[in-house]
């Protein structure tokens, strides 16, 4: 198993080197953008949180660059041919690469479940300290159990500028809603009703008004800027506490992404081994770097686009975020299988 350790060492060395370069560049940008920090502890927390925030992109990208670097250098030194002449097949040569990709897969699952939920509040706290919080301008729509709907802007633990379309003849407007105790409380509430001429006129005003308990469903259960763990997302879906709104679409699509994202390094290894294992007298490594990086970012952009569409129920997250990468993995595996069998 000397060849196994040798390939693992070279591959891991290149991965660590690539991760160090990418992280160092990111740290310099973050340090320049947020300088000066209020304390060294805040700076350390912010940099650590930023690193793990970009882990899902940095790790497969490091695998791509390191895979091309490792096998290209081995091909130039005729080490791959020497291993094959010694009786070591291409399947055995690729085994250390898949072993490391599986370790990376498990580490990414661990990161999504335990590390990111702990480090993301550090990043959020630093952003709150360094940036002035502005009022959001994106409206959300929710359907209540009585058939009515509400249109509002979520703002931290409150809802602002809410319109309650109770029926086609009656609309309520609240400047602000706070969730205190068991019932939501509306502030500066106006009741508007349609007159015979078809115009909505204000018929009543209240400084405070107790709204129906069904408004509790409008309280955001998942903060979009946070990073919930895989277990938390799974519990939110299985407990059936989410209404058919953007919350459910967001949770469902994010859970699908966190389940498939750790397998991206394995997809990188599967996809590029057929181009790197066969011997070529004149191999243009630069083209492999350019094409590989372009394909990686195109694929990542496609998955992110599927997440946005799935959040708004345009496409199914199970069919796009999960099935699309699995189909691509199947095609790549079939091609790699033919290479390893017909050696």
C-alpha atoms as a PDB file:
ATOM      1  CA  UNK A   1       0.000   0.000   0.000  1.00  0.00           C
ATOM      2  CA  UNK A   2       2.961   2.295  -0.478  1.00  0.00           C
ATOM      3  CA  UNK A   3       1.446   3.765  -3.665  1.00  0.00           C
ATOM      4  CA  UNK A   4      -1.807   4.452  -1.748  1.00  0.00           C
ATOM      5  CA  UNK A   5      -0.020   6.547   0.897  1.00  0.00           C
ATOM      6  CA  UNK A   6       2.115   8.239  -1.753  1.00  0.00           C
ATOM      7  CA  UNK A   7      -0.866   9.407  -3.837  1.00  0.00           C
ATOM      8  CA  UNK A   8      -2.795  10.434  -0.714  1.00  0.00           C
ATOM      9  CA  UNK A   9       0.111  12.520   0.538  1.00  0.00           C
ATOM     10  CA  UNK A  10       0.585  14.328  -2.759  1.00  0.00           C
ATOM     11  CA  UNK A  11      -3.125  14.915  -3.228  1.00  0.00           C
ATOM     12  CA  UNK A  12      -3.684  16.143   0.338  1.00  0.00           C
ATOM     13  CA  UNK A  13      -0.642  18.415   0.124  1.00  0.00           C
ATOM     14  CA  UNK A  14      -2.010  20.087  -2.995  1.00  0.00           C
ATOM     15  CA  UNK A  15      -5.486  20.406  -1.440  1.00  0.00           C
ATOM     16  CA  UNK A  16      -4.093  22.088   1.680  1.00  0.00           C
ATOM     17  CA  UNK A  17      -1.963  24.401  -0.429  1.00  0.00           C
ATOM     18  CA  UNK A  18      -4.928  25.412  -2.604  1.00  0.00           C
ATOM     19  CA  UNK A  19      -7.189  25.904   0.419  1.00  0.00           C
ATOM     20  CA  UNK A  20      -4.524  28.057   2.055  1.00  0.00           C
ATOM     21  CA  UNK A  21      -4.197  30.285  -1.018  1.00  0.00           C
ATOM     22  CA  UNK A  22      -7.969  30.665  -1.437  1.00  0.00           C
ATOM     23  CA  UNK A  23      -8.526  31.304   2.272  1.00  0.00           C
ATOM     24  CA  UNK A  24      -5.622  33.741   2.465  1.00  0.00           C
ATOM     25  CA  UNK A  25      -7.028  35.758  -0.443  1.00  0.00           C
ATOM     26  CA  UNK A  26     -10.474  35.759   1.175  1.00  0.00           C
ATOM     27  CA  UNK A  27      -9.056  36.854   4.554  1.00  0.00           C
ATOM     28  CA  UNK A  28      -7.191  39.763   2.951  1.00  0.00           C
ATOM     29  CA  UNK A  29     -10.386  40.965   1.251  1.00  0.00           C
ATOM     30  CA  UNK A  30     -12.453  40.629   4.430  1.00  0.00           C
ATOM     31  CA  UNK A  31      -9.781  42.283   6.558  1.00  0.00           C
ATOM     32  CA  UNK A  32      -9.536  45.239   4.184  1.00  0.00           C
ATOM     33  CA  UNK A  33     -13.307  45.600   3.901  1.00  0.00           C
ATOM     34  CA  UNK A  34     -14.128  45.446   7.636  1.00  0.00           C
ATOM     35  CA  UNK A  35     -10.978  47.084   9.050  1.00  0.00           C
ATOM     36  CA  UNK A  36     -10.715  48.216  11.800  1.00  0.00           C
ATOM     37  CA  UNK A  37     -12.315  45.527  13.954  1.00  0.00           C
ATOM     38  CA  UNK A  38     -13.489  46.400  17.452  1.00  0.00           C
ATOM     39  CA  UNK A  39     -11.323  43.680  18.982  1.00  0.00           C
ATOM     40  CA  UNK A  40      -9.062  40.802  18.009  1.00  0.00           C
ATOM     41  CA  UNK A  41     -11.704  38.301  19.141  1.00  0.00           C
ATOM     42  CA  UNK A  42     -14.338  39.794  16.827  1.00  0.00           C
ATOM     43  CA  UNK A  43     -11.821  39.739  13.986  1.00  0.00           C
ATOM     44  CA  UNK A  44     -10.973  36.065  14.622  1.00  0.00           C
ATOM     45  CA  UNK A  45     -14.639  35.093  14.869  1.00  0.00           C
ATOM     46  CA  UNK A  46     -15.481  36.933  11.654  1.00  0.00           C
ATOM     47  CA  UNK A  47     -12.633  35.326   9.677  1.00  0.00           C
ATOM     48  CA  UNK A  48     -13.461  31.820  10.953  1.00  0.00           C
ATOM     49  CA  UNK A  49     -17.148  32.285  10.135  1.00  0.00           C
ATOM     50  CA  UNK A  50     -16.272  33.603   6.668  1.00  0.00           C
ATOM     51  CA  UNK A  51     -14.012  30.606   5.987  1.00  0.00           C
ATOM     52  CA  UNK A  52     -16.699  28.048   6.841  1.00  0.00           C
ATOM     53  CA  UNK A  53     -19.293  30.067   4.937  1.00  0.00           C
ATOM     54  CA  UNK A  54     -17.200  29.581   1.773  1.00  0.00           C
ATOM     55  CA  UNK A  55     -16.234  25.996   2.643  1.00  0.00           C
ATOM     56  CA  UNK A  56     -18.892  24.525   0.340  1.00  0.00           C
ATOM     57  CA  UNK A  57     -17.248  26.271  -2.644  1.00  0.00           C
ATOM     58  CA  UNK A  58     -13.589  26.232  -1.612  1.00  0.00           C
ATOM     59  CA  UNK A  59     -13.428  22.493  -0.953  1.00  0.00           C
ATOM     60  CA  UNK A  60     -14.660  21.157  -4.350  1.00  0.00           C
ATOM     61  CA  UNK A  61     -12.709  23.897  -6.132  1.00  0.00           C
ATOM     62  CA  UNK A  62      -9.569  22.834  -4.251  1.00  0.00           C
ATOM     63  CA  UNK A  63     -10.264  19.234  -5.262  1.00  0.00           C
ATOM     64  CA  UNK A  64     -10.518  20.278  -8.898  1.00  0.00           C
ATOM     65  CA  UNK A  65      -7.255  22.238  -8.930  1.00  0.00           C
ATOM     66  CA  UNK A  66      -5.378  19.674  -6.819  1.00  0.00           C
ATOM     67  CA  UNK A  67      -6.585  16.725  -8.907  1.00  0.00           C
ATOM     68  CA  UNK A  68      -5.317  18.316 -12.114  1.00  0.00           C
ATOM     69  CA  UNK A  69      -2.052  19.314 -10.443  1.00  0.00           C
ATOM     70  CA  UNK A  70      -1.405  15.886  -8.884  1.00  0.00           C
ATOM     71  CA  UNK A  71      -2.166  13.664 -11.870  1.00  0.00           C
ATOM     72  CA  UNK A  72      -0.594  16.017 -14.416  1.00  0.00           C
ATOM     73  CA  UNK A  73       2.677  16.103 -12.497  1.00  0.00           C
ATOM     74  CA  UNK A  74       2.578  12.316 -12.105  1.00  0.00           C
ATOM     75  CA  UNK A  75       1.970  11.906 -15.827  1.00  0.00           C
ATOM     76  CA  UNK A  76       4.875  14.204 -16.699  1.00  0.00           C
ATOM     77  CA  UNK A  77       7.175  12.192 -14.433  1.00  0.00           C
ATOM     78  CA  UNK A  78       5.835   8.919 -15.978  1.00  0.00           C
ATOM     79  CA  UNK A  79       4.795   7.773 -12.497  1.00  0.00           C
ATOM     80  CA  UNK A  80       1.357   6.609 -13.657  1.00  0.00           C
ATOM     81  CA  UNK A  81       2.912   4.414 -16.359  1.00  0.00           C
ATOM     82  CA  UNK A  82       5.390   3.010 -13.845  1.00  0.00           C
ATOM     83  CA  UNK A  83       2.556   2.105 -11.487  1.00  0.00           C
ATOM     84  CA  UNK A  84       0.648   0.357 -14.281  1.00  0.00           C
ATOM     85  CA  UNK A  85       3.764  -1.555 -15.365  1.00  0.00           C
ATOM     86  CA  UNK A  86       4.162  -2.671 -11.736  1.00  0.00           C
ATOM     87  CA  UNK A  87       0.725  -4.285 -11.891  1.00  0.00           C
ATOM     88  CA  UNK A  88      -1.281  -1.505 -10.284  1.00  0.00           C
ATOM     89  CA  UNK A  89      -4.419  -0.862 -12.314  1.00  0.00           C
ATOM     90  CA  UNK A  90      -6.060   2.482 -12.983  1.00  0.00           C
ATOM     91  CA  UNK A  91      -8.808   1.530 -10.544  1.00  0.00           C
ATOM     92  CA  UNK A  92      -6.264   1.137  -7.742  1.00  0.00           C
ATOM     93  CA  UNK A  93      -4.587   4.397  -8.714  1.00  0.00           C
ATOM     94  CA  UNK A  94      -7.900   6.247  -8.480  1.00  0.00           C
ATOM     95  CA  UNK A  95      -8.859   4.574  -5.166  1.00  0.00           C
ATOM     96  CA  UNK A  96      -6.853   7.028  -2.951  1.00  0.00           C
ATOM     97  CA  UNK A  97      -8.509   9.965  -4.705  1.00  0.00           C
ATOM     98  CA  UNK A  98     -12.010   8.615  -4.035  1.00  0.00           C
ATOM     99  CA  UNK A  99     -11.040   7.801  -0.456  1.00  0.00           C
ATOM    100  CA  UNK A 100     -10.041  11.423   0.195  1.00  0.00           C
ATOM    101  CA  UNK A 101     -13.202  12.674  -1.528  1.00  0.00           C
ATOM    102  CA  UNK A 102     -15.326  10.540   0.815  1.00  0.00           C
ATOM    103  CA  UNK A 103     -13.457  11.956   3.812  1.00  0.00           C
ATOM    104  CA  UNK A 104     -14.161  15.443   2.446  1.00  0.00           C
ATOM    105  CA  UNK A 105     -17.824  14.488   2.022  1.00  0.00           C
ATOM    106  CA  UNK A 106     -18.116  13.463   5.667  1.00  0.00           C
ATOM    107  CA  UNK A 107     -16.318  16.610   6.808  1.00  0.00           C
ATOM    108  CA  UNK A 108     -18.757  18.778   4.831  1.00  0.00           C
ATOM    109  CA  UNK A 109     -21.744  17.015   6.388  1.00  0.00           C
ATOM    110  CA  UNK A 110     -20.165  17.628   9.803  1.00  0.00           C
ATOM    111  CA  UNK A 111     -19.640  21.286   8.868  1.00  0.00           C
ATOM    112  CA  UNK A 112     -23.282  21.736   7.777  1.00  0.00           C
ATOM    113  CA  UNK A 113     -24.611  20.023  10.902  1.00  0.00           C
ATOM    114  CA  UNK A 114     -22.393  21.340  13.704  1.00  0.00           C
ATOM    115  CA  UNK A 115     -19.922  24.045  12.626  1.00  0.00           C
ATOM    116  CA  UNK A 116     -21.895  26.436  10.392  1.00  0.00           C
ATOM    117  CA  UNK A 117     -24.823  26.858  12.837  1.00  0.00           C
ATOM    118  CA  UNK A 118     -22.279  27.918  15.491  1.00  0.00           C
ATOM    119  CA  UNK A 119     -20.075  30.157  13.356  1.00  0.00           C
ATOM    120  CA  UNK A 120     -22.751  31.948  11.293  1.00  0.00           C
ATOM    121  CA  UNK A 121     -23.947  34.038  14.299  1.00  0.00           C
ATOM    122  CA  UNK A 122     -20.383  35.389  14.628  1.00  0.00           C
ATOM    123  CA  UNK A 123     -20.582  36.639  11.054  1.00  0.00           C
ATOM    124  CA  UNK A 124     -24.050  38.069  11.538  1.00  0.00           C
ATOM    125  CA  UNK A 125     -23.060  39.862  14.724  1.00  0.00           C
ATOM    126  CA  UNK A 126     -20.066  41.435  13.038  1.00  0.00           C
ATOM    127  CA  UNK A 127     -22.211  42.564  10.118  1.00  0.00           C
ATOM    128  CA  UNK A 128     -24.680  44.141  12.527  1.00  0.00           C
ATOM    129  CA  UNK A 129     -21.860  46.006  14.243  1.00  0.00           C
ATOM    130  CA  UNK A 130     -20.148  47.190  11.071  1.00  0.00           C
ATOM    131  CA  UNK A 131     -23.126  47.979   8.855  1.00  0.00           C
ATOM    132  CA  UNK A 132     -26.159  50.120   9.422  1.00  0.00           C
ATOM    133  CA  UNK A 133     -29.286  47.999   9.303  1.00  0.00           C
ATOM    134  CA  UNK A 134     -31.712  49.252   6.705  1.00  0.00           C
ATOM    135  CA  UNK A 135     -35.395  48.473   6.457  1.00  0.00           C
ATOM    136  CA  UNK A 136     -36.036  45.613   4.039  1.00  0.00           C
ATOM    137  CA  UNK A 137     -38.237  46.253   1.031  1.00  0.00           C
ATOM    138  CA  UNK A 138     -39.247  42.737  -0.029  1.00  0.00           C
ATOM    139  CA  UNK A 139     -42.880  41.824   0.515  1.00  0.00           C
ATOM    140  CA  UNK A 140     -43.992  38.319   1.387  1.00  0.00           C
ATOM    141  CA  UNK A 141     -47.417  36.744   0.924  1.00  0.00           C
ATOM    142  CA  UNK A 142     -48.999  34.150   3.183  1.00  0.00           C
ATOM    143  CA  UNK A 143     -52.359  32.420   3.080  1.00  0.00           C
ATOM    144  CA  UNK A 144     -54.184  31.969   6.382  1.00  0.00           C
ATOM    145  CA  UNK A 145     -56.405  29.067   7.417  1.00  0.00           C
ATOM    146  CA  UNK A 146     -59.629  31.080   6.896  1.00  0.00           C
ATOM    147  CA  UNK A 147     -58.821  31.676   3.225  1.00  0.00           C
ATOM    148  CA  UNK A 148     -57.653  35.264   3.644  1.00  0.00           C
ATOM    149  CA  UNK A 149     -54.142  36.421   2.829  1.00  0.00           C
ATOM    150  CA  UNK A 150     -51.625  38.838   4.283  1.00  0.00           C
ATOM    151  CA  UNK A 151     -48.930  40.860   2.501  1.00  0.00           C
ATOM    152  CA  UNK A 152     -46.138  42.207   4.681  1.00  0.00           C
ATOM    153  CA  UNK A 153     -42.434  42.938   5.131  1.00  0.00           C
ATOM    154  CA  UNK A 154     -40.585  40.811   7.753  1.00  0.00           C
ATOM    155  CA  UNK A 155     -38.198  42.807   9.906  1.00  0.00           C
ATOM    156  CA  UNK A 156     -36.343  40.814  12.597  1.00  0.00           C
ATOM    157  CA  UNK A 157     -38.983  39.582  15.095  1.00  0.00           C
ATOM    158  CA  UNK A 158     -41.704  41.886  13.762  1.00  0.00           C
ATOM    159  CA  UNK A 159     -43.798  42.454  10.657  1.00  0.00           C
ATOM    160  CA  UNK A 160     -44.162  45.921   9.194  1.00  0.00           C
ATOM    161  CA  UNK A 161     -46.483  47.528   6.665  1.00  0.00           C
ATOM    162  CA  UNK A 162     -48.884  44.577   6.699  1.00  0.00           C
ATOM    163  CA  UNK A 163     -52.031  44.341   4.588  1.00  0.00           C
ATOM    164  CA  UNK A 164     -54.658  41.806   5.644  1.00  0.00           C
ATOM    165  CA  UNK A 165     -56.950  41.057   2.700  1.00  0.00           C
ATOM    166  CA  UNK A 166     -59.800  39.586   4.698  1.00  0.00           C
ATOM    167  CA  UNK A 167     -62.207  39.506   1.758  1.00  0.00           C
ATOM    168  CA  UNK A 168     -62.828  41.292  -1.508  1.00  0.00           C
ATOM    169  CA  UNK A 169     -64.788  43.916   0.450  1.00  0.00           C
ATOM    170  CA  UNK A 170     -62.566  44.357   3.511  1.00  0.00           C
ATOM    171  CA  UNK A 171     -58.849  45.157   3.941  1.00  0.00           C
ATOM    172  CA  UNK A 172     -56.917  45.881   7.127  1.00  0.00           C
ATOM    173  CA  UNK A 173     -53.607  47.746   7.280  1.00  0.00           C
ATOM    174  CA  UNK A 174     -51.104  47.582  10.177  1.00  0.00           C
ATOM    175  CA  UNK A 175     -47.982  49.682  10.469  1.00  0.00           C
ATOM    176  CA  UNK A 176     -46.315  47.134  12.707  1.00  0.00           C
ATOM    177  CA  UNK A 177     -47.073  43.760  14.304  1.00  0.00           C
ATOM    178  CA  UNK A 178     -45.235  42.384  17.299  1.00  0.00           C
ATOM    179  CA  UNK A 179     -45.554  38.867  18.703  1.00  0.00           C
ATOM    180  CA  UNK A 180     -46.028  39.152  22.447  1.00  0.00           C
ATOM    181  CA  UNK A 181     -47.393  36.143  24.262  1.00  0.00           C
ATOM    182  CA  UNK A 182     -49.938  33.985  22.480  1.00  0.00           C
ATOM    183  CA  UNK A 183     -51.577  36.612  20.262  1.00  0.00           C
ATOM    184  CA  UNK A 184     -50.060  39.041  17.749  1.00  0.00           C
ATOM    185  CA  UNK A 185     -50.592  42.732  18.465  1.00  0.00           C
ATOM    186  CA  UNK A 186     -51.095  45.225  15.641  1.00  0.00           C
ATOM    187  CA  UNK A 187     -50.009  48.852  16.028  1.00  0.00           C
ATOM    188  CA  UNK A 188     -51.692  51.733  14.198  1.00  0.00           C
ATOM    189  CA  UNK A 189     -54.346  49.582  12.556  1.00  0.00           C
ATOM    190  CA  UNK A 190     -56.772  50.883   9.919  1.00  0.00           C
ATOM    191  CA  UNK A 191     -59.858  49.065   8.710  1.00  0.00           C
ATOM    192  CA  UNK A 192     -60.960  49.745   5.131  1.00  0.00           C
ATOM    193  CA  UNK A 193     -64.183  48.610   3.463  1.00  0.00           C
ATOM    194  CA  UNK A 194     -65.478  48.892  -0.090  1.00  0.00           C
ATOM    195  CA  UNK A 195     -68.368  51.285  -0.649  1.00  0.00           C
ATOM    196  CA  UNK A 196     -71.092  50.870  -3.299  1.00  0.00           C
ATOM    197  CA  UNK A 197     -68.938  52.869  -5.725  1.00  0.00           C
ATOM    198  CA  UNK A 198     -66.166  50.242  -5.482  1.00  0.00           C
ATOM    199  CA  UNK A 199     -63.760  52.447  -3.496  1.00  0.00           C
ATOM    200  CA  UNK A 200     -62.018  51.394  -0.274  1.00  0.00           C
ATOM    201  CA  UNK A 201     -62.589  53.893   2.528  1.00  0.00           C
ATOM    202  CA  UNK A 202     -61.270  53.866   6.086  1.00  0.00           C
ATOM    203  CA  UNK A 203     -64.070  52.985   8.501  1.00  0.00           C
ATOM    204  CA  UNK A 204     -62.138  52.469  11.767  1.00  0.00           C
ATOM    205  CA  UNK A 205     -58.708  53.088  13.307  1.00  0.00           C
ATOM    206  CA  UNK A 206     -57.032  51.548  16.336  1.00  0.00           C
ATOM    207  CA  UNK A 207     -53.827  52.382  18.167  1.00  0.00           C
ATOM    208  CA  UNK A 208     -53.546  48.738  19.263  1.00  0.00           C
ATOM    209  CA  UNK A 209     -55.528  45.792  17.993  1.00  0.00           C
ATOM    210  CA  UNK A 210     -55.376  42.089  18.903  1.00  0.00           C
ATOM    211  CA  UNK A 211     -55.183  40.125  15.681  1.00  0.00           C
ATOM    212  CA  UNK A 212     -56.346  36.500  15.204  1.00  0.00           C
ATOM    213  CA  UNK A 213     -53.993  33.688  16.351  1.00  0.00           C
ATOM    214  CA  UNK A 214     -53.687  32.572  12.714  1.00  0.00           C
ATOM    215  CA  UNK A 215     -51.275  35.492  12.254  1.00  0.00           C
ATOM    216  CA  UNK A 216     -48.749  33.529  14.280  1.00  0.00           C
ATOM    217  CA  UNK A 217     -48.050  31.566  11.111  1.00  0.00           C
ATOM    218  CA  UNK A 218     -46.647  34.746   9.621  1.00  0.00           C
ATOM    219  CA  UNK A 219     -43.918  34.913  12.244  1.00  0.00           C
ATOM    220  CA  UNK A 220     -40.654  33.931  10.523  1.00  0.00           C
ATOM    221  CA  UNK A 221     -39.574  30.499  11.776  1.00  0.00           C
ATOM    222  CA  UNK A 222     -36.292  30.429   9.866  1.00  0.00           C
ATOM    223  CA  UNK A 223     -34.091  33.485   9.600  1.00  0.00           C
ATOM    224  CA  UNK A 224     -32.847  33.694   6.028  1.00  0.00           C
ATOM    225  CA  UNK A 225     -29.493  35.154   7.057  1.00  0.00           C
ATOM    226  CA  UNK A 226     -28.816  32.353   9.541  1.00  0.00           C
ATOM    227  CA  UNK A 227     -27.478  28.892   8.745  1.00  0.00           C
ATOM    228  CA  UNK A 228     -29.665  26.163  10.275  1.00  0.00           C
ATOM    229  CA  UNK A 229     -28.263  22.663  10.598  1.00  0.00           C
ATOM    230  CA  UNK A 230     -29.440  19.672   8.576  1.00  0.00           C
ATOM    231  CA  UNK A 231     -31.217  18.268  11.630  1.00  0.00           C
ATOM    232  CA  UNK A 232     -33.040  21.556  12.250  1.00  0.00           C
ATOM    233  CA  UNK A 233     -34.236  21.755   8.650  1.00  0.00           C
ATOM    234  CA  UNK A 234     -35.404  18.141   8.729  1.00  0.00           C
ATOM    235  CA  UNK A 235     -37.320  18.724  11.979  1.00  0.00           C
ATOM    236  CA  UNK A 236     -39.008  21.824  10.565  1.00  0.00           C
ATOM    237  CA  UNK A 237     -40.317  19.800   7.628  1.00  0.00           C
ATOM    238  CA  UNK A 238     -41.384  16.709   9.590  1.00  0.00           C
ATOM    239  CA  UNK A 239     -43.155  18.685  12.324  1.00  0.00           C
ATOM    240  CA  UNK A 240     -45.461  20.268   9.701  1.00  0.00           C
ATOM    241  CA  UNK A 241     -45.187  23.698  11.365  1.00  0.00           C
ATOM    242  CA  UNK A 242     -44.479  25.537   8.117  1.00  0.00           C
ATOM    243  CA  UNK A 243     -47.289  26.908   6.013  1.00  0.00           C
ATOM    244  CA  UNK A 244     -47.231  26.673   2.221  1.00  0.00           C
ATOM    245  CA  UNK A 245     -45.218  29.871   1.863  1.00  0.00           C
ATOM    246  CA  UNK A 246     -41.684  30.961   1.146  1.00  0.00           C
ATOM    247  CA  UNK A 247     -40.624  29.450   4.484  1.00  0.00           C
ATOM    248  CA  UNK A 248     -41.412  25.900   3.363  1.00  0.00           C
ATOM    249  CA  UNK A 249     -39.857  26.424  -0.048  1.00  0.00           C
ATOM    250  CA  UNK A 250     -36.739  27.882   1.540  1.00  0.00           C
ATOM    251  CA  UNK A 251     -36.375  25.073   4.086  1.00  0.00           C
ATOM    252  CA  UNK A 252     -37.041  22.307   1.554  1.00  0.00           C
ATOM    253  CA  UNK A 253     -34.637  23.646  -1.067  1.00  0.00           C
ATOM    254  CA  UNK A 254     -31.913  24.409   1.513  1.00  0.00           C
ATOM    255  CA  UNK A 255     -32.197  20.893   2.969  1.00  0.00           C
ATOM    256  CA  UNK A 256     -31.864  19.355  -0.504  1.00  0.00           C
ATOM    257  CA  UNK A 257     -28.806  21.492  -1.222  1.00  0.00           C
ATOM    258  CA  UNK A 258     -27.124  20.567   2.055  1.00  0.00           C
ATOM    259  CA  UNK A 259     -27.719  16.894   1.350  1.00  0.00           C
ATOM    260  CA  UNK A 260     -26.155  16.974  -2.141  1.00  0.00           C
ATOM    261  CA  UNK A 261     -23.428  19.624  -1.699  1.00  0.00           C
ATOM    262  CA  UNK A 262     -20.973  17.365   0.248  1.00  0.00           C
ATOM    263  CA  UNK A 263     -20.772  15.039  -2.783  1.00  0.00           C
ATOM    264  CA  UNK A 264     -19.397  17.719  -5.118  1.00  0.00           C
ATOM    265  CA  UNK A 265     -15.725  16.698  -4.485  1.00  0.00           C
ATOM    266  CA  UNK A 266     -16.596  13.125  -5.476  1.00  0.00           C
ATOM    267  CA  UNK A 267     -18.246  14.423  -8.638  1.00  0.00           C
ATOM    268  CA  UNK A 268     -15.099  16.407  -9.438  1.00  0.00           C
ATOM    269  CA  UNK A 269     -12.917  13.308  -9.093  1.00  0.00           C
ATOM    270  CA  UNK A 270     -15.328  11.182 -11.140  1.00  0.00           C
ATOM    271  CA  UNK A 271     -15.646  13.755 -13.894  1.00  0.00           C
ATOM    272  CA  UNK A 272     -11.972  14.575 -14.455  1.00  0.00           C
ATOM    273  CA  UNK A 273     -10.272  11.214 -13.974  1.00  0.00           C
ATOM    274  CA  UNK A 274     -11.117  10.088 -17.555  1.00  0.00           C
ATOM    275  CA  UNK A 275      -9.189  13.114 -18.857  1.00  0.00           C
ATOM    276  CA  UNK A 276      -6.210  12.744 -16.515  1.00  0.00           C
ATOM    277  CA  UNK A 277      -5.571   9.009 -16.151  1.00  0.00           C
ATOM    278  CA  UNK A 278      -4.904   8.100 -19.837  1.00  0.00           C
ATOM    279  CA  UNK A 279      -1.396   8.884 -20.991  1.00  0.00           C
ATOM    280  CA  UNK A 280      -1.024  11.790 -23.422  1.00  0.00           C
ATOM    281  CA  UNK A 281       2.298  12.793 -24.881  1.00  0.00           C
ATOM    282  CA  UNK A 282       1.347  16.464 -25.056  1.00  0.00           C
ATOM    283  CA  UNK A 283      -1.059  17.372 -22.311  1.00  0.00           C
ATOM    284  CA  UNK A 284      -2.166  20.984 -22.096  1.00  0.00           C
ATOM    285  CA  UNK A 285      -2.669  21.454 -18.376  1.00  0.00           C
ATOM    286  CA  UNK A 286      -3.661  25.106 -18.744  1.00  0.00           C
ATOM    287  CA  UNK A 287      -6.687  24.165 -20.825  1.00  0.00           C
ATOM    288  CA  UNK A 288      -7.758  21.669 -18.180  1.00  0.00           C
ATOM    289  CA  UNK A 289      -7.566  24.333 -15.473  1.00  0.00           C
ATOM    290  CA  UNK A 290      -9.592  26.810 -17.530  1.00  0.00           C
ATOM    291  CA  UNK A 291     -12.223  24.350 -18.730  1.00  0.00           C
ATOM    292  CA  UNK A 292     -12.499  22.684 -15.321  1.00  0.00           C
ATOM    293  CA  UNK A 293     -12.922  25.968 -13.450  1.00  0.00           C
ATOM    294  CA  UNK A 294     -15.475  27.182 -15.986  1.00  0.00           C
ATOM    295  CA  UNK A 295     -17.496  23.953 -15.738  1.00  0.00           C
ATOM    296  CA  UNK A 296     -17.352  24.085 -11.952  1.00  0.00           C
ATOM    297  CA  UNK A 297     -18.732  27.607 -11.691  1.00  0.00           C
ATOM    298  CA  UNK A 298     -21.368  26.975 -14.373  1.00  0.00           C
ATOM    299  CA  UNK A 299     -22.581  23.915 -12.477  1.00  0.00           C
ATOM    300  CA  UNK A 300     -22.552  25.777  -9.156  1.00  0.00           C
ATOM    301  CA  UNK A 301     -24.474  28.686 -10.709  1.00  0.00           C
ATOM    302  CA  UNK A 302     -27.036  26.255 -12.142  1.00  0.00           C
ATOM    303  CA  UNK A 303     -27.605  24.678  -8.734  1.00  0.00           C
ATOM    304  CA  UNK A 304     -27.974  28.102  -7.094  1.00  0.00           C
ATOM    305  CA  UNK A 305     -30.497  29.070  -9.772  1.00  0.00           C
ATOM    306  CA  UNK A 306     -32.441  25.873  -9.064  1.00  0.00           C
ATOM    307  CA  UNK A 307     -32.480  26.778  -5.355  1.00  0.00           C
ATOM    308  CA  UNK A 308     -33.967  30.206  -6.098  1.00  0.00           C
ATOM    309  CA  UNK A 309     -36.604  28.698  -8.389  1.00  0.00           C
ATOM    310  CA  UNK A 310     -37.418  25.975  -5.851  1.00  0.00           C
ATOM    311  CA  UNK A 311     -37.925  28.552  -3.095  1.00  0.00           C
ATOM    312  CA  UNK A 312     -40.712  30.111  -5.161  1.00  0.00           C
ATOM    313  CA  UNK A 313     -42.232  26.745  -6.176  1.00  0.00           C
ATOM    314  CA  UNK A 314     -41.299  27.155  -9.843  1.00  0.00           C
ATOM    315  CA  UNK A 315     -39.447  23.828  -9.922  1.00  0.00           C
ATOM    316  CA  UNK A 316     -39.259  20.872  -7.583  1.00  0.00           C
ATOM    317  CA  UNK A 317     -36.133  20.932  -5.355  1.00  0.00           C
ATOM    318  CA  UNK A 318     -36.074  17.138  -5.278  1.00  0.00           C
ATOM    319  CA  UNK A 319     -35.948  16.887  -9.080  1.00  0.00           C
ATOM    320  CA  UNK A 320     -33.508  19.748  -9.712  1.00  0.00           C
ATOM    321  CA  UNK A 321     -31.226  20.113  -6.687  1.00  0.00           C
ATOM    322  CA  UNK A 322     -31.003  16.359  -5.978  1.00  0.00           C
ATOM    323  CA  UNK A 323     -31.808  14.505  -9.200  1.00  0.00           C
ATOM    324  CA  UNK A 324     -29.835  16.729 -11.584  1.00  0.00           C
ATOM    325  CA  UNK A 325     -26.453  16.204  -9.815  1.00  0.00           C
ATOM    326  CA  UNK A 326     -27.227  12.504  -9.368  1.00  0.00           C
ATOM    327  CA  UNK A 327     -27.882  12.096 -13.097  1.00  0.00           C
ATOM    328  CA  UNK A 328     -24.656  13.910 -13.867  1.00  0.00           C
ATOM    329  CA  UNK A 329     -22.827  11.698 -11.385  1.00  0.00           C
ATOM    330  CA  UNK A 330     -24.300   8.625 -13.083  1.00  0.00           C
ATOM    331  CA  UNK A 331     -23.126   9.732 -16.534  1.00  0.00           C
ATOM    332  CA  UNK A 332     -19.641  10.538 -15.232  1.00  0.00           C
ATOM    333  CA  UNK A 333     -19.450   7.221 -13.359  1.00  0.00           C
ATOM    334  CA  UNK A 334     -20.419   5.283 -16.490  1.00  0.00           C
ATOM    335  CA  UNK A 335     -17.652   6.974 -18.460  1.00  0.00           C
ATOM    336  CA  UNK A 336     -15.117   6.336 -15.708  1.00  0.00           C
ATOM    337  CA  UNK A 337     -16.216   2.703 -15.457  1.00  0.00           C
ATOM    338  CA  UNK A 338     -15.516   2.184 -19.160  1.00  0.00           C
ATOM    339  CA  UNK A 339     -12.052   3.662 -18.713  1.00  0.00           C
ATOM    340  CA  UNK A 340     -11.211   1.490 -15.721  1.00  0.00           C
ATOM    341  CA  UNK A 341     -12.529  -1.723 -17.330  1.00  0.00           C
ATOM    342  CA  UNK A 342     -10.938  -1.160 -20.756  1.00  0.00           C
ATOM    343  CA  UNK A 343      -7.469  -0.484 -19.423  1.00  0.00           C
END
